Amino acid sequence: MVMEEKAASRKRSGIVDQEQLKKRLEMLDKRLDNIDSVVTALVERVMRQPVTIEVSCPKCGNVVQISVTSNVKSGSKG
């Protein structure tokens, strides 16, 4: 009887581990989708107009500006 209880306990623990893994994979998938959306929006904006990013060093306070521009000219329709 004790052996059966231990086996059942291990089986339940395996199911719980699988459920936790499934939840973590779903969370990772959502995070990757969010990152993809942000990167896509940034690229679309860069294709239309230049973007300047300012980053300041937390130690010395120096500000670095990064300009991102596109070398593709947008064509006019019509």
Protein backbone atom coordinates (compact mmCIF):
# COMPACT_ATOMS: atom_id res chain seq x y z
CA MET A 1 0.00 0.00 0.00
CA VAL A 2 2.83 2.39 0.85
CA MET A 3 4.55 1.66 -2.47
CA GLU A 4 1.33 2.43 -4.36
CA GLU A 5 0.94 5.75 -2.53
CA LYS A 6 4.54 6.74 -3.35
CA ALA A 7 4.03 5.85 -7.02
CA ALA A 8 0.82 7.86 -7.13
CA SER A 9 2.57 10.78 -5.43
CA ARG A 10 5.40 10.70 -8.00
CA LYS A 11 2.88 10.59 -10.83
CA ARG A 12 1.02 13.64 -9.44
CA SER A 13 4.31 15.48 -9.00
CA GLY A 14 5.23 14.70 -12.60
CA ILE A 15 1.89 16.09 -13.78
CA VAL A 16 2.43 19.25 -11.70
CA ASP A 17 5.93 19.66 -13.18
CA GLN A 18 4.51 19.31 -16.69
CA GLU A 19 1.81 21.90 -15.95
CA GLN A 20 4.41 24.33 -14.57
CA LEU A 21 6.59 23.80 -17.64
CA LYS A 22 3.59 24.39 -19.91
CA LYS A 23 2.73 27.64 -18.06
CA ARG A 24 6.33 28.86 -18.28
CA LEU A 25 6.48 28.09 -22.00
CA GLU A 26 3.23 30.02 -22.52
CA MET A 27 4.65 32.99 -20.57
CA LEU A 28 7.84 32.88 -22.66
CA ASP A 29 5.77 32.76 -25.84
CA LYS A 30 3.79 35.84 -24.75
CA ARG A 31 6.98 37.72 -23.87
CA LEU A 32 8.52 36.87 -27.25
CA ASP A 33 5.34 38.06 -28.98
CA ASN A 34 5.54 41.35 -27.05
CA ILE A 35 9.21 41.80 -27.98
CA ASP A 36 8.36 41.05 -31.60
CA SER A 37 5.61 43.68 -31.56
CA VAL A 38 7.92 46.33 -30.11
CA VAL A 39 10.70 45.59 -32.58
CA THR A 40 8.25 45.58 -35.50
CA ALA A 41 6.80 48.94 -34.44
CA LEU A 42 10.31 50.40 -34.09
CA VAL A 43 11.35 49.15 -37.53
CA GLU A 44 8.19 50.53 -39.11
CA ARG A 45 8.85 53.90 -37.51
CA VAL A 46 12.48 53.91 -38.61
CA MET A 47 11.38 53.19 -42.16
CA ARG A 48 9.23 56.36 -42.04
CA GLN A 49 11.44 58.73 -40.08
CA PRO A 50 14.70 58.71 -38.13
CA VAL A 51 14.72 57.66 -34.48
CA THR A 52 17.13 58.99 -31.86
CA ILE A 53 17.75 56.99 -28.71
CA GLU A 54 19.45 58.61 -25.73
CA VAL A 55 21.16 56.39 -23.18
CA SER A 56 22.75 57.76 -20.04
CA CYS A 57 25.49 55.96 -18.13
CA PRO A 58 24.30 55.15 -14.59
CA LYS A 59 27.83 55.61 -13.21
CA CYS A 60 29.16 58.77 -14.85
CA GLY A 61 25.97 60.31 -16.22
CA ASN A 62 27.34 60.76 -19.77
CA VAL A 63 24.61 60.75 -22.40
CA VAL A 64 25.09 58.83 -25.63
CA GLN A 65 22.78 59.55 -28.55
CA ILE A 66 22.15 56.82 -31.09
CA SER A 67 20.46 57.79 -34.35
CA VAL A 68 18.81 55.08 -36.39
CA THR A 69 17.83 55.92 -39.95
CA SER A 70 16.75 54.01 -43.02
CA ASN A 71 18.52 54.06 -46.33
CA VAL A 72 15.33 53.04 -48.14
CA LYS A 73 13.36 55.82 -49.76
CA SER A 74 9.63 55.47 -49.51
CA GLY A 75 7.87 55.55 -52.86
CA SER A 76 4.68 57.49 -53.45
CA LYS A 77 1.59 55.66 -54.61
CA GLY A 78 -0.92 57.05 -56.96
